[in-house]
Amino acid sequence: MPRFLDRERSLLVTTNMKVLYSSLCRQADLQLIGEARFLREILSGRRHLHLMFARDPYDRLVSAWIDKFQTHPHWLGTPRFKGWQKIQYRCLDTLGIRRDAGDEVIRDALLGVDFSFFMKQLPSLYWRDAHLRPQHYRMSLSVRMLVRLFPLRIDELVRIEDMDHGHLLADHGIDLGSIRENATSHGPSSEYFTPALRAIADRIYRKDFDRLGYSRHR
């Protein structure tokens, strides 16, 4: 679960996959915790500062595609390769590629998944993989992301596009200036979306745009 605790600073952090998750895992003072521990902290009576990181939904989708279908397959045979992931297997099933086809066959098939194909699979993929689930669900405490128990108090919503990583978070003991794990680089996300693909994203992530303060492409 992408929730973190710095108990010494009474700091709670909420994020999502593809929203600085790997970088936050590398922070020395942040402990990754589950929903049950998060609930205990909230009910403990201690006053916590609760930060939530958010990312532009379009940018997050482009990053997920590049990471899982352009970058990760090339790690095959290197120490960074940790096996194939759920989001990749889902697309292999659609392509008719057997999961036991062999790593080289799977790599070539994944590298052939273009952004348009990926987006067209999104309606059947997004709820099954944490890299694609809407971010606004993290604004509530939930059981297995299905039953939302109650909304959470967010003291500071940090949109990663708007912040200076090395300066804004220093007071909270978070240094992202020198640690950017698993970062993907790409051009403006608007270059990847046709009107039809944009409509898919707008429909699935409607509440992310509205609640996190992001603008839809026109």
Protein backbone atom coordinates (compact mmCIF):
# COMPACT_ATOMS: atom_id res chain seq x y z
CA MET A 1 0.00 0.00 0.00
CA PRO A 2 1.48 3.41 -0.91
CA ARG A 3 1.21 4.94 2.55
CA PHE A 4 4.21 5.99 4.60
CA LEU A 5 4.93 7.01 8.18
CA ASP A 6 7.69 9.08 9.73
CA ARG A 7 6.83 8.51 13.37
CA GLU A 8 9.45 10.90 14.75
CA ARG A 9 8.02 13.81 12.76
CA SER A 10 4.40 12.60 13.10
CA LEU A 11 4.21 12.64 9.33
CA LEU A 12 1.87 10.53 7.20
CA VAL A 13 2.36 10.38 3.44
CA THR A 14 -0.06 9.06 0.85
CA THR A 15 0.81 8.49 -2.79
CA ASN A 16 0.01 6.17 -5.69
CA MET A 17 2.03 3.93 -7.96
CA LYS A 18 3.76 6.06 -10.64
CA VAL A 19 3.61 9.05 -8.28
CA LEU A 20 7.09 9.09 -6.67
CA TYR A 21 6.39 5.74 -5.00
CA SER A 22 9.82 4.21 -5.67
CA SER A 23 11.57 7.42 -4.59
CA LEU A 24 9.61 7.62 -1.34
CA CYS A 25 10.51 3.99 -0.59
CA ARG A 26 14.17 5.08 -0.61
CA GLN A 27 13.69 7.78 2.02
CA ALA A 28 15.54 6.74 5.17
CA ASP A 29 12.96 8.10 7.62
CA LEU A 30 9.80 6.90 5.85
CA GLN A 31 8.34 3.52 6.69
CA LEU A 32 5.98 1.85 4.22
CA ILE A 33 2.80 0.87 6.08
CA GLY A 34 -0.50 -0.84 5.28
CA GLU A 35 -4.03 0.42 5.71
CA ALA A 36 -4.46 -1.21 9.14
CA ARG A 37 -1.35 0.54 10.53
CA PHE A 38 -2.43 3.78 8.86
CA LEU A 39 -5.81 3.53 10.61
CA ARG A 40 -4.14 2.88 13.98
CA GLU A 41 -2.04 6.00 13.56
CA ILE A 42 -5.10 8.09 12.73
CA LEU A 43 -6.99 6.75 15.76
CA SER A 44 -4.01 7.02 18.11
CA GLY A 45 -4.87 10.55 19.19
CA ARG A 46 -1.55 11.92 17.96
CA ARG A 47 -1.62 14.94 15.71
CA HIS A 48 -0.15 13.99 12.34
CA LEU A 49 0.63 16.08 9.30
CA HIS A 50 -0.79 14.22 6.29
CA LEU A 51 0.74 14.88 2.87
CA MET A 52 -0.67 13.44 -0.34
CA PHE A 53 1.27 13.44 -3.60
CA ALA A 54 -0.63 13.68 -6.88
CA ARG A 55 0.34 13.55 -10.54
CA ASP A 56 -1.33 14.74 -13.73
CA PRO A 57 -3.45 11.76 -14.91
CA TYR A 58 -2.33 12.06 -18.54
CA ASP A 59 1.33 12.20 -17.54
CA ARG A 60 0.91 9.24 -15.21
CA LEU A 61 -0.53 7.13 -18.05
CA VAL A 62 2.31 7.99 -20.42
CA SER A 63 4.83 7.20 -17.68
CA ALA A 64 3.20 3.83 -16.96
CA TRP A 65 3.26 2.87 -20.64
CA ILE A 66 6.90 3.89 -21.12
CA ASP A 67 7.96 2.14 -17.91
CA LYS A 68 6.16 -1.14 -18.47
CA PHE A 69 6.25 -1.47 -22.27
CA GLN A 70 9.33 0.43 -23.42
CA THR A 71 11.86 0.46 -20.56
CA HIS A 72 11.22 -2.62 -18.40
CA PRO A 73 11.30 -5.21 -21.23
CA HIS A 74 14.84 -4.10 -22.06
CA TRP A 75 15.93 -5.05 -18.54
CA LEU A 76 15.64 -8.74 -19.44
CA GLY A 77 18.90 -10.45 -18.53
CA THR A 78 20.09 -7.63 -16.24
CA PRO A 79 20.07 -7.40 -12.42
CA ARG A 80 17.21 -4.86 -12.64
CA PHE A 81 14.87 -7.41 -14.24
CA LYS A 82 12.54 -8.87 -11.59
CA GLY A 83 10.16 -10.80 -13.81
CA TRP A 84 7.05 -9.85 -15.75
CA GLN A 85 4.34 -7.83 -14.08
CA LYS A 86 0.58 -8.00 -13.86
CA ILE A 87 -0.08 -5.09 -16.22
CA GLN A 88 2.14 -6.76 -18.84
CA TYR A 89 0.47 -10.15 -18.54
CA ARG A 90 -2.93 -8.54 -19.02
CA CYS A 91 -1.86 -7.15 -22.38
CA LEU A 92 -0.23 -10.41 -23.38
CA ASP A 93 -3.57 -12.15 -22.85
CA THR A 94 -5.24 -9.67 -25.20
CA LEU A 95 -2.48 -10.19 -27.79
CA GLY A 96 -2.94 -13.96 -27.59
CA ILE A 97 0.61 -14.54 -26.32
CA ARG A 98 0.89 -17.43 -23.88
CA ARG A 99 2.40 -16.56 -20.52
CA ASP A 100 4.80 -19.50 -20.86
CA ALA A 101 5.90 -18.43 -24.35
CA GLY A 102 9.41 -17.61 -23.13
CA ASP A 103 11.01 -14.39 -22.02
CA GLU A 104 12.33 -13.35 -25.43
CA VAL A 105 8.94 -13.79 -27.08
CA ILE A 106 7.23 -11.90 -24.26
CA ARG A 107 9.77 -9.06 -24.42
CA ASP A 108 9.29 -8.60 -28.16
CA ALA A 109 5.51 -8.65 -27.79
CA LEU A 110 5.58 -6.04 -25.03
CA LEU A 111 7.91 -3.76 -26.96
CA GLY A 112 5.36 -3.89 -29.77
CA VAL A 113 2.57 -2.50 -27.56
CA ASP A 114 2.13 1.08 -28.71
CA PHE A 115 0.43 3.77 -26.66
CA SER A 116 -2.81 3.56 -28.63
CA PHE A 117 -3.16 -0.19 -27.97
CA PHE A 118 -2.34 0.33 -24.30
CA MET A 119 -4.98 3.03 -23.93
CA LYS A 120 -7.63 0.94 -25.65
CA GLN A 121 -7.05 -1.80 -23.07
CA LEU A 122 -7.33 0.68 -20.20
CA PRO A 123 -11.08 0.24 -19.46
CA SER A 124 -10.46 -3.44 -18.63
CA LEU A 125 -7.04 -2.88 -17.03
CA TYR A 126 -7.16 0.16 -14.79
CA TRP A 127 -8.91 -1.35 -11.78
CA ARG A 128 -6.77 -4.50 -11.84
CA ASP A 129 -3.40 -2.79 -11.52
CA ALA A 130 -2.21 -0.30 -8.91
CA HIS A 131 -0.19 1.62 -11.51
CA LEU A 132 -3.43 2.63 -13.22
CA ARG A 133 -6.02 2.99 -10.46
CA PRO A 134 -7.48 6.47 -9.97
CA GLN A 135 -5.58 8.50 -7.41
CA HIS A 136 -8.58 10.01 -5.64
CA TYR A 137 -9.38 6.67 -3.98
CA ARG A 138 -6.38 7.30 -1.73
CA MET A 139 -8.21 10.29 -0.27
CA SER A 140 -10.35 7.80 1.67
CA LEU A 141 -9.47 4.87 3.89
CA SER A 142 -10.64 1.70 2.21
CA VAL A 143 -10.67 -2.09 2.50
CA ARG A 144 -8.91 -3.66 -0.49
CA MET A 145 -9.76 -0.53 -2.49
CA LEU A 146 -13.37 -1.75 -2.69
CA VAL A 147 -15.12 -0.52 0.44
CA ARG A 148 -14.33 3.08 1.35
CA LEU A 149 -14.69 3.55 5.10
CA PHE A 150 -14.38 7.32 5.48
CA PRO A 151 -12.65 10.31 3.86
CA LEU A 152 -9.22 11.31 5.14
CA ARG A 153 -8.03 14.74 6.21
CA ILE A 154 -5.39 15.86 3.71
CA ASP A 155 -3.31 18.66 5.21
CA GLU A 156 -1.30 19.31 2.08
CA LEU A 157 -1.98 18.10 -1.46
CA VAL A 158 1.34 18.18 -3.30
CA ARG A 159 1.08 18.11 -7.09
CA ILE A 160 4.49 16.94 -8.22
CA GLU A 161 4.45 19.13 -11.34
CA ASP A 162 4.22 22.26 -9.20
CA MET A 163 6.90 21.65 -6.64
CA ASP A 164 10.62 22.09 -6.23
CA HIS A 165 11.54 18.61 -4.98
CA GLY A 166 14.69 19.70 -3.20
CA HIS A 167 13.20 22.69 -1.40
CA LEU A 168 9.49 22.30 -0.70
CA LEU A 169 9.74 19.04 1.25
CA ALA A 170 12.97 19.66 3.14
CA ASP A 171 11.12 20.79 6.27
CA HIS A 172 9.41 17.39 6.33
CA GLY A 173 12.67 15.44 6.06
CA ILE A 174 11.97 14.34 2.48
CA ASP A 175 14.77 14.82 -0.03
CA LEU A 176 13.77 13.97 -3.58
CA GLY A 177 16.40 16.18 -5.16
CA SER A 178 19.05 13.47 -5.16
CA ILE A 179 16.84 10.36 -5.15
CA ARG A 180 14.59 9.79 -8.14
CA GLU A 181 14.05 6.05 -8.42
CA ASN A 182 12.40 4.56 -11.49
CA ALA A 183 11.81 7.96 -13.10
CA THR A 184 10.69 8.04 -16.73
CA SER A 185 11.30 10.94 -19.08
CA HIS A 186 9.13 11.86 -22.05
CA GLY A 187 7.80 14.82 -23.98
CA PRO A 188 4.55 16.64 -23.23
CA SER A 189 1.78 14.15 -22.58
CA SER A 190 -0.49 15.99 -25.04
CA GLU A 191 1.67 14.62 -27.87
CA TYR A 192 0.57 11.06 -27.08
CA PHE A 193 -3.20 11.53 -27.00
CA THR A 194 -5.57 11.61 -29.93
CA PRO A 195 -9.08 12.92 -29.18
CA ALA A 196 -10.32 9.32 -28.90
CA LEU A 197 -7.58 8.31 -26.46
CA ARG A 198 -8.08 11.48 -24.46
CA ALA A 199 -11.78 10.66 -24.12
CA ILE A 200 -10.88 7.29 -22.55
CA ALA A 201 -8.62 8.96 -19.99
CA ASP A 202 -11.12 11.72 -19.26
CA ARG A 203 -13.87 9.21 -18.54
CA ILE A 204 -11.86 6.91 -16.27
CA TYR A 205 -10.01 9.64 -14.36
CA ARG A 206 -12.79 12.24 -14.25
CA LYS A 207 -12.70 12.49 -10.45
CA ASP A 208 -8.90 12.71 -10.42
CA PHE A 209 -9.05 15.78 -12.64
CA ASP A 210 -11.80 17.34 -10.55
CA ARG A 211 -10.57 16.54 -7.05
CA LEU A 212 -6.82 16.93 -7.61
CA GLY A 213 -7.10 20.17 -9.56
CA TYR A 214 -5.78 19.11 -12.98
CA SER A 215 -6.97 20.49 -16.32
CA ARG A 216 -8.19 18.30 -19.14
CA HIS A 217 -6.55 18.59 -22.55
CA ARG A 218 -8.55 20.48 -25.17
